[in-house]
Structure formats: C-alpha cells, structure tokens
Amino acid sequence: MRKQKDRCIVADAAGDEENFTAASIKLRRQKDIYEDFCKAADSYTQYERTFVAGYDRRLAGKTGTVTRKQREFDKAQMTLES
C-alpha cells in the first residue's frame, strides 16, 4: 500500500490523471484485501503501518473520489450486462 501511495503522490505532482486513477484504484483494492485479511485473522487493521509522508488528507480525498467514481462505473456496467 505504501508503494501505491507513493505512486499516487508522484502522479498527482506530475499532473498525470491517468496514472493517478490507476494508482488510486490499485490502492483501494489493496486496502480492501487488507481489511478482508484482518477480518479473517480476527485482528484489527493497523493503518499506521501504511503511513507515507506527503500522502495527506487532500490526496486521500482525491483518491477516494476517483475510487467512488470507478465503483459507480462498475455498478453501471453490471446493470447493463444483466
């Protein structure tokens, strides 16, 4: 997750929206997998281990917006296929 956060920081600084979107989606998927793993192991999530300097609230919000849009798109695609 730290590597993906670094990639988000670099893509945002470069203004590369395509790479930022890809890194954001991968980061969200990794977070989902980590949460599922912690539930299966009956443990709590330790997000302090994923801290990256420079990945602040602004970037986290921007990442969240991108992943929400992607999830809405995926839901629309599933609806069309049904």
Protein backbone atom coordinates (compact mmCIF):
# COMPACT_ATOMS: atom_id res chain seq x y z
CA MET A 1 0.00 0.00 0.00
CA ARG A 2 2.88 2.35 0.69
CA LYS A 3 4.19 1.90 -2.84
CA GLN A 4 0.78 2.72 -4.29
CA LYS A 5 0.54 5.81 -2.11
CA ASP A 6 3.96 6.88 -3.41
CA ARG A 7 2.71 6.37 -6.96
CA CYS A 8 -0.36 8.49 -6.20
CA ILE A 9 1.86 11.28 -4.88
CA VAL A 10 4.11 11.22 -7.95
CA ALA A 11 1.21 11.08 -10.42
CA ASP A 12 -0.56 13.96 -8.66
CA ALA A 13 2.60 16.08 -8.63
CA ALA A 14 3.17 15.39 -12.33
CA GLY A 15 -0.46 16.14 -13.16
CA ASP A 16 -0.89 12.72 -14.76
CA GLU A 17 -4.56 11.94 -14.16
CA GLU A 18 -4.49 8.57 -15.93
CA ASN A 19 -1.70 7.17 -13.75
CA PHE A 20 -3.25 8.75 -10.66
CA THR A 21 -6.52 7.00 -11.40
CA ALA A 22 -4.79 3.65 -11.91
CA ALA A 23 -2.75 4.01 -8.71
CA SER A 24 -5.84 5.06 -6.75
CA ILE A 25 -7.84 2.05 -7.88
CA LYS A 26 -4.99 -0.33 -7.07
CA LEU A 27 -4.62 1.29 -3.65
CA ARG A 28 -8.32 0.84 -2.90
CA ARG A 29 -8.18 -2.81 -3.94
CA GLN A 30 -5.17 -3.38 -1.70
CA LYS A 31 -6.97 -1.74 1.22
CA ASP A 32 -10.00 -3.96 0.64
CA ILE A 33 -7.80 -7.07 0.58
CA TYR A 34 -6.02 -5.96 3.76
CA GLU A 35 -9.33 -5.36 5.54
CA ASP A 36 -10.62 -8.78 4.49
CA PHE A 37 -7.39 -10.39 5.69
CA CYS A 38 -7.65 -8.68 9.07
CA LYS A 39 -11.25 -9.82 9.47
CA ALA A 40 -10.29 -13.40 8.60
CA ALA A 41 -7.38 -13.31 11.04
CA ASP A 42 -9.61 -11.76 13.71
CA SER A 43 -7.21 -8.84 14.01
CA TYR A 44 -7.54 -5.10 13.73
CA THR A 45 -6.30 -3.00 10.83
CA GLN A 46 -3.05 -1.21 11.52
CA TYR A 47 -3.15 1.68 9.09
CA GLU A 48 -0.30 3.41 10.92
CA ARG A 49 1.96 0.88 9.20
CA THR A 50 0.92 2.25 5.81
CA PHE A 51 1.83 5.88 6.57
CA VAL A 52 3.63 7.74 3.78
CA ALA A 53 4.92 11.29 4.14
CA GLY A 54 3.21 13.51 1.60
CA TYR A 55 0.05 11.44 1.38
CA ASP A 56 -2.18 13.90 3.19
CA ARG A 57 -5.92 14.45 3.56
CA ARG A 58 -6.17 16.27 0.26
CA LEU A 59 -4.68 13.36 -1.66
CA ALA A 60 -6.67 10.80 0.31
CA GLY A 61 -9.86 12.67 -0.58
CA LYS A 62 -8.89 12.86 -4.22
CA THR A 63 -8.11 9.14 -4.21
CA GLY A 64 -11.48 8.41 -2.58
CA THR A 65 -13.30 10.42 -5.21
CA VAL A 66 -11.62 8.50 -8.02
CA THR A 67 -12.42 5.12 -6.50
CA ARG A 68 -16.05 6.08 -5.83
CA LYS A 69 -16.45 7.07 -9.48
CA GLN A 70 -14.87 3.78 -10.56
CA ARG A 71 -17.21 1.77 -8.33
CA GLU A 72 -20.23 3.63 -9.73
CA PHE A 73 -18.99 2.87 -13.24
CA ASP A 74 -18.54 -0.83 -12.38
CA LYS A 75 -22.07 -0.98 -10.92
CA ALA A 76 -23.47 0.61 -14.08
CA GLN A 77 -21.61 -1.92 -16.22
CA MET A 78 -23.01 -4.83 -14.18
CA THR A 79 -26.51 -3.39 -14.53
CA LEU A 80 -26.13 -3.14 -18.30
CA GLU A 81 -24.88 -6.72 -18.53
CA SER A 82 -27.82 -8.07 -16.50
